[in-house]
Protein backbone atom coordinates (compact mmCIF):
# COMPACT_ATOMS: atom_id res chain seq x y z
CA MET A 1 12.70 26.15 66.80
CA SER A 2 9.31 24.55 66.03
CA ILE A 3 8.60 20.88 66.76
CA MET A 4 7.33 18.91 63.73
CA GLU A 5 3.93 17.39 64.49
CA SER A 6 3.51 13.67 63.83
CA LEU A 7 0.57 12.82 61.53
CA SER A 8 -0.84 9.69 59.88
CA CYS A 9 -0.77 8.97 56.14
CA PRO A 10 -4.37 9.18 54.86
CA TYR A 11 -3.66 6.23 52.55
CA CYS A 12 -1.85 3.66 54.74
CA ASN A 13 -2.14 5.22 58.26
CA SER A 14 1.62 5.05 58.85
CA GLN A 15 3.28 7.89 60.82
CA ILE A 16 4.50 10.85 58.75
CA GLY A 17 5.94 14.29 59.46
CA GLU A 18 3.77 17.43 59.41
CA TYR A 19 5.45 18.75 56.24
CA ALA A 20 6.02 15.39 54.54
CA LEU A 21 5.38 15.56 50.81
CA LYS A 22 5.07 11.82 50.33
CA CYS A 23 4.54 8.82 52.59
CA PRO A 24 7.81 6.95 53.22
CA ASN A 25 5.83 3.73 53.63
CA CYS A 26 3.45 3.62 50.63
CA ASN A 27 5.11 6.35 48.51
CA SER A 28 1.77 8.17 48.11
CA LYS A 29 1.99 11.88 47.22
CA LEU A 30 0.56 13.91 50.11
CA LYS A 31 0.75 17.47 48.71
CA THR A 32 -0.40 18.95 45.43
CA ILE A 33 -1.25 22.36 43.92
CA CYS A 34 -4.76 23.79 43.64
CA LYS A 35 -5.32 24.36 39.94
CA LYS A 36 -7.46 27.42 40.61
CA CYS A 37 -5.60 29.45 43.24
CA GLY A 38 -2.18 27.80 43.11
CA LYS A 39 -2.00 27.07 46.85
CA VAL A 40 -0.38 23.95 48.28
CA ILE A 41 -3.07 21.52 49.50
CA ASN A 42 -3.32 17.96 50.78
CA THR A 43 -4.13 15.32 48.19
CA ASN A 44 -6.88 13.77 50.36
CA TRP A 45 -8.87 17.01 50.65
CA THR A 46 -12.12 17.24 48.70
CA GLU A 47 -11.90 21.01 48.22
CA CYS A 48 -9.34 23.80 48.56
CA PRO A 49 -9.65 25.65 51.92
CA ASP A 50 -8.48 28.90 50.25
CA CYS A 51 -10.73 29.14 47.18
CA GLY A 52 -13.24 26.31 47.70
CA ASP A 53 -12.44 24.71 44.34
CA LYS A 54 -13.14 20.98 44.05
CA ILE A 55 -10.05 18.79 44.11
CA TYR A 56 -9.80 16.05 41.52
CA TYR A 57 -6.67 14.16 42.37
CA GLU A 58 -5.85 12.06 39.34
CA ASP A 59 -2.09 11.77 39.85
CA ILE A 60 -0.07 9.00 41.48
CA THR A 61 -2.02 7.01 44.12
CA PRO A 62 -1.41 3.82 46.09
CA ILE A 63 -3.03 1.85 43.21
CA LEU A 64 0.34 1.99 41.48
CA LYS A 65 1.70 -0.19 44.24
CA ASP A 66 -0.06 -3.21 42.69
CA SER A 67 0.59 -2.48 38.99
CA THR A 68 4.07 -0.91 38.92
CA ASN A 69 7.33 -2.58 39.89
CA GLU A 70 9.21 -1.00 42.76
CA GLU A 71 12.12 0.26 40.66
CA ASN A 72 9.99 2.22 38.18
CA LYS A 73 7.58 3.39 40.90
CA THR A 74 10.43 4.78 42.99
CA GLN A 75 11.72 6.66 39.96
CA ILE A 76 8.27 8.09 39.20
CA TYR A 77 7.67 9.29 42.76
CA SER A 78 11.15 10.74 43.09
CA ASP A 79 10.58 12.79 39.96
CA PHE A 80 7.52 14.36 41.58
CA MET A 81 9.31 15.41 44.79
CA PRO A 82 9.33 19.22 45.08
CA ASN A 83 11.70 21.49 46.93
CA VAL A 84 10.23 21.94 50.45
CA ASP A 85 11.40 25.54 50.92
CA THR A 86 9.98 26.54 47.54
CA VAL A 87 6.56 24.95 48.16
CA PHE A 88 5.96 26.60 51.52
CA HIS A 89 7.51 29.95 50.76
CA GLU A 90 4.91 32.72 50.29
CA GLY A 91 4.71 34.19 46.80
CA LYS A 92 6.34 31.25 45.01
CA ASN A 93 3.30 29.18 44.12
CA GLU A 94 4.20 29.19 40.41
CA GLN A 95 7.62 27.73 41.18
CA ALA A 96 5.94 25.17 43.43
CA ARG A 97 3.72 24.11 40.55
CA LEU A 98 6.76 23.65 38.34
CA ASP A 99 8.40 21.56 41.05
CA PHE A 100 5.34 19.32 41.28
CA TYR A 101 5.11 18.82 37.52
CA PRO A 102 8.69 18.50 36.21
CA ILE A 103 9.09 18.44 32.44
CA GLU A 104 11.56 15.59 32.48
CA THR A 105 9.21 13.24 34.35
CA LYS A 106 7.43 12.00 31.23
CA THR A 107 10.75 11.48 29.49
CA GLN A 108 12.07 9.51 32.45
CA ILE A 109 8.95 7.33 32.66
CA TYR A 110 9.15 6.38 28.98
CA GLY A 111 12.90 6.01 29.26
CA ASP A 112 12.48 3.38 32.00
CA LEU A 113 10.56 1.10 29.62
CA PRO A 114 12.54 -1.44 27.55
CA GLU A 115 13.77 -0.05 24.25
CA LYS A 116 12.44 -3.12 22.45
CA GLU A 117 8.86 -2.13 23.38
CA PHE A 118 9.16 0.98 21.17
CA GLN A 119 11.08 -0.58 18.29
CA THR A 120 9.21 -3.85 17.69
CA MET A 121 5.83 -2.52 16.50
CA PRO A 122 7.14 0.28 14.23
CA ASN A 123 9.63 -2.14 12.65
CA GLU A 124 6.95 -4.78 12.05
CA ARG A 125 4.62 -2.13 10.64
CA GLN A 126 7.38 -0.88 8.33
CA LYS A 127 8.04 -4.42 7.10
CA LYS A 128 4.34 -4.85 6.28
CA LEU A 129 4.29 -1.50 4.47
CA ASN A 130 7.35 -2.52 2.43
CA ILE A 131 5.69 -5.82 1.49
CA ILE A 132 2.54 -3.95 0.41
CA LYS A 133 4.61 -1.51 -1.68
CA ILE A 134 6.48 -4.37 -3.40
CA ALA A 135 3.24 -6.26 -4.07
CA GLY A 136 1.66 -3.09 -5.45
CA THR A 137 4.61 -2.50 -7.78
CA ILE A 138 4.47 -6.08 -9.06
CA PHE A 139 0.73 -5.74 -9.62
CA VAL A 140 1.16 -2.54 -11.65
CA ILE A 141 3.91 -4.13 -13.77
CA LEU A 142 1.69 -7.17 -14.38
CA ILE A 143 -1.23 -4.98 -15.48
CA ILE A 144 1.03 -3.05 -17.87
CA PHE A 145 2.34 -6.33 -19.31
CA ILE A 146 -1.18 -7.69 -19.84
CA ILE A 147 -2.35 -4.48 -21.50
CA SER A 148 0.68 -4.38 -23.79
CA SER A 149 0.08 -8.02 -24.75
CA PHE A 150 -3.42 -7.27 -25.99
CA THR A 151 -2.77 -3.93 -27.66
CA THR A 152 -0.99 -5.54 -30.66
CA THR A 153 -4.07 -7.51 -31.77
CA PRO A 154 -6.44 -4.50 -31.98
CA ASN A 155 -3.78 -2.52 -33.87
CA ALA A 156 -3.20 -5.42 -36.28
CA GLU A 157 -6.94 -5.69 -36.80
CA ASN A 158 -7.17 -1.96 -37.49
CA TYR A 159 -4.53 -2.26 -40.20
CA TYR A 160 -6.32 -5.30 -41.65
CA ASN A 161 -9.62 -3.41 -41.79
CA LYS A 162 -7.94 -0.49 -43.57
CA GLY A 163 -6.33 -2.91 -46.03
CA TYR A 164 -9.67 -4.61 -46.60
CA SER A 165 -11.36 -1.27 -47.40
CA LEU A 166 -8.55 -0.22 -49.75
CA TYR A 167 -8.69 -3.57 -51.57
CA TYR A 168 -12.40 -3.24 -52.32
CA ALA A 169 -11.76 0.36 -53.37
CA GLY A 170 -9.37 -1.04 -56.00
CA ASP A 171 -6.25 0.45 -54.36
CA TYR A 172 -4.31 -2.83 -54.22
CA ASN A 173 -0.85 -1.44 -53.47
CA ARG A 174 -1.96 0.61 -50.46
CA ALA A 175 -4.08 -2.32 -49.33
CA ILE A 176 -0.99 -4.56 -49.35
CA GLU A 177 0.94 -1.93 -47.34
CA LYS A 178 -1.71 -1.97 -44.59
CA LEU A 179 -1.84 -5.77 -44.61
CA ASP A 180 1.96 -5.89 -44.22
CA LYS A 181 1.63 -3.60 -41.16
CA ALA A 182 -0.94 -5.96 -39.69
CA LEU A 183 1.38 -8.93 -40.27
CA GLU A 184 4.30 -7.10 -38.62
CA LEU A 185 2.21 -6.75 -35.48
CA ASP A 186 0.72 -10.23 -35.69
CA PRO A 187 2.80 -12.67 -37.84
CA LYS A 188 0.07 -15.32 -37.51
CA TYR A 189 -2.76 -13.18 -38.82
CA LEU A 190 -4.24 -15.78 -41.21
CA ASP A 191 -6.88 -13.57 -42.87
CA ALA A 192 -4.25 -10.91 -43.61
CA TYR A 193 -2.15 -13.48 -45.55
CA ILE A 194 -5.17 -14.64 -47.56
CA LEU A 195 -6.33 -11.11 -48.44
CA LYS A 196 -2.78 -10.08 -49.35
CA GLY A 197 -2.58 -13.17 -51.61
CA ILE A 198 -5.84 -12.20 -53.32
CA ALA A 199 -4.59 -8.60 -53.85
CA LEU A 200 -1.39 -9.97 -55.42
CA TYR A 201 -3.37 -12.47 -57.54
CA ASP A 202 -5.55 -9.65 -58.91
CA GLN A 203 -2.35 -7.94 -60.05
CA ASN A 204 -1.12 -11.17 -61.68
CA TYR A 205 1.60 -11.75 -59.06
CA TYR A 206 0.75 -15.45 -58.84
CA TYR A 207 3.95 -16.73 -57.27
CA LYS A 208 3.80 -14.09 -54.55
CA ALA A 209 0.15 -14.91 -54.02
CA ILE A 210 0.98 -18.63 -53.62
CA ASP A 211 3.60 -17.72 -50.97
CA CYS A 212 0.91 -15.91 -48.98
CA TYR A 213 -1.50 -18.87 -49.24
CA ASN A 214 1.22 -21.30 -48.15
CA LYS A 215 1.88 -19.21 -45.02
CA ALA A 216 -1.84 -19.18 -44.29
CA ILE A 217 -1.96 -22.99 -44.66
CA GLU A 218 1.03 -23.31 -42.27
CA ILE A 219 -0.95 -21.39 -39.67
CA ASP A 220 -4.17 -23.37 -40.30
CA PRO A 221 -3.87 -26.48 -42.54
CA ASN A 222 -7.65 -26.89 -42.47
CA ASN A 223 -8.50 -23.47 -43.88
CA ALA A 224 -10.56 -24.20 -46.98
CA ASN A 225 -10.35 -20.61 -48.28
CA ALA A 226 -6.52 -20.71 -48.35
CA TRP A 227 -6.50 -24.02 -50.28
CA TRP A 228 -9.04 -22.80 -52.84
CA ASN A 229 -7.20 -19.54 -53.58
CA LYS A 230 -3.90 -21.39 -53.86
CA GLY A 231 -5.55 -23.64 -56.48
CA ARG A 232 -6.66 -20.58 -58.45
CA ALA A 233 -3.10 -19.18 -58.54
CA LEU A 234 -1.67 -22.57 -59.61
CA TYR A 235 -4.28 -22.86 -62.33
CA ARG A 236 -3.20 -19.45 -63.71
CA LEU A 237 0.36 -20.79 -63.89
CA ASP A 238 -0.96 -23.76 -65.85
CA ARG A 239 -0.15 -26.14 -63.01
CA LYS A 240 -3.56 -27.73 -63.33
CA VAL A 241 -2.82 -31.02 -61.55
CA GLU A 242 -1.64 -29.20 -58.42
CA ALA A 243 -4.50 -26.76 -58.78
CA ASN A 244 -7.09 -29.58 -58.84
CA GLU A 245 -5.51 -31.12 -55.74
CA CYS A 246 -5.96 -27.80 -53.94
CA PHE A 247 -9.55 -27.48 -55.15
CA ASN A 248 -10.39 -31.00 -53.95
CA LYS A 249 -8.75 -30.31 -50.58
CA ALA A 250 -10.80 -27.14 -50.21
CA LYS A 251 -14.03 -29.05 -50.98
CA GLU A 252 -13.13 -31.73 -48.42
CA LEU A 253 -12.78 -28.97 -45.84
CA GLY A 254 -16.21 -27.62 -46.75
CA TYR A 255 -15.46 -24.86 -49.26
CA LYS A 256 -18.63 -23.61 -50.99
CA GLY A 257 -17.37 -20.84 -53.28
């Protein structure tokens, strides 16, 4: 039976066994696997004695003693503890490597952290994303509403322009149809009422013409053109007193017909 030689930990100088895999005092890992030849080597060696490959030990070191609490550090080191017989048994270097780098270690390390650490940021980020989505939806709806509010005026104006062209082409009935379309889209389209009144007047529909002029005057009481044309229609109906009142009102407002 061989006697185990007593050695010193290269990190804290405490006494350790010859085949110790980690220091019982500072928990430093003392053995690792050469990445080139797969042999078991000491962590404080600068190169592998078997293949000469440089050793870059970037795993757990005594630095963790200052930055990691004892409970988590103990769990981390215990996860890295290999099976002694497997490590030092000839022909089982691959198994030794698996023992040194267990798959569940990373899971255990993350599992030791508080659950709130993982949930807080994603939840806050999701809340912000939801707020952005809602704001974006409201913005789109607002844009659609604004566009729809302005589309009626251009359409009403298009119908008015068509009615205007038809009137001067002598097609009074079709002109009135287009003007009615314009007024459906914009009930306060003053010029459409006046032009419709003129088209009716030219067809001797004086009462209907007066109705159009009255609606125009309701929209704008200071429209000289509406007052003047109303006076013309009244004059045709032989209501000369009322007609003169309308003519005078138009002149007061600056009519120069």
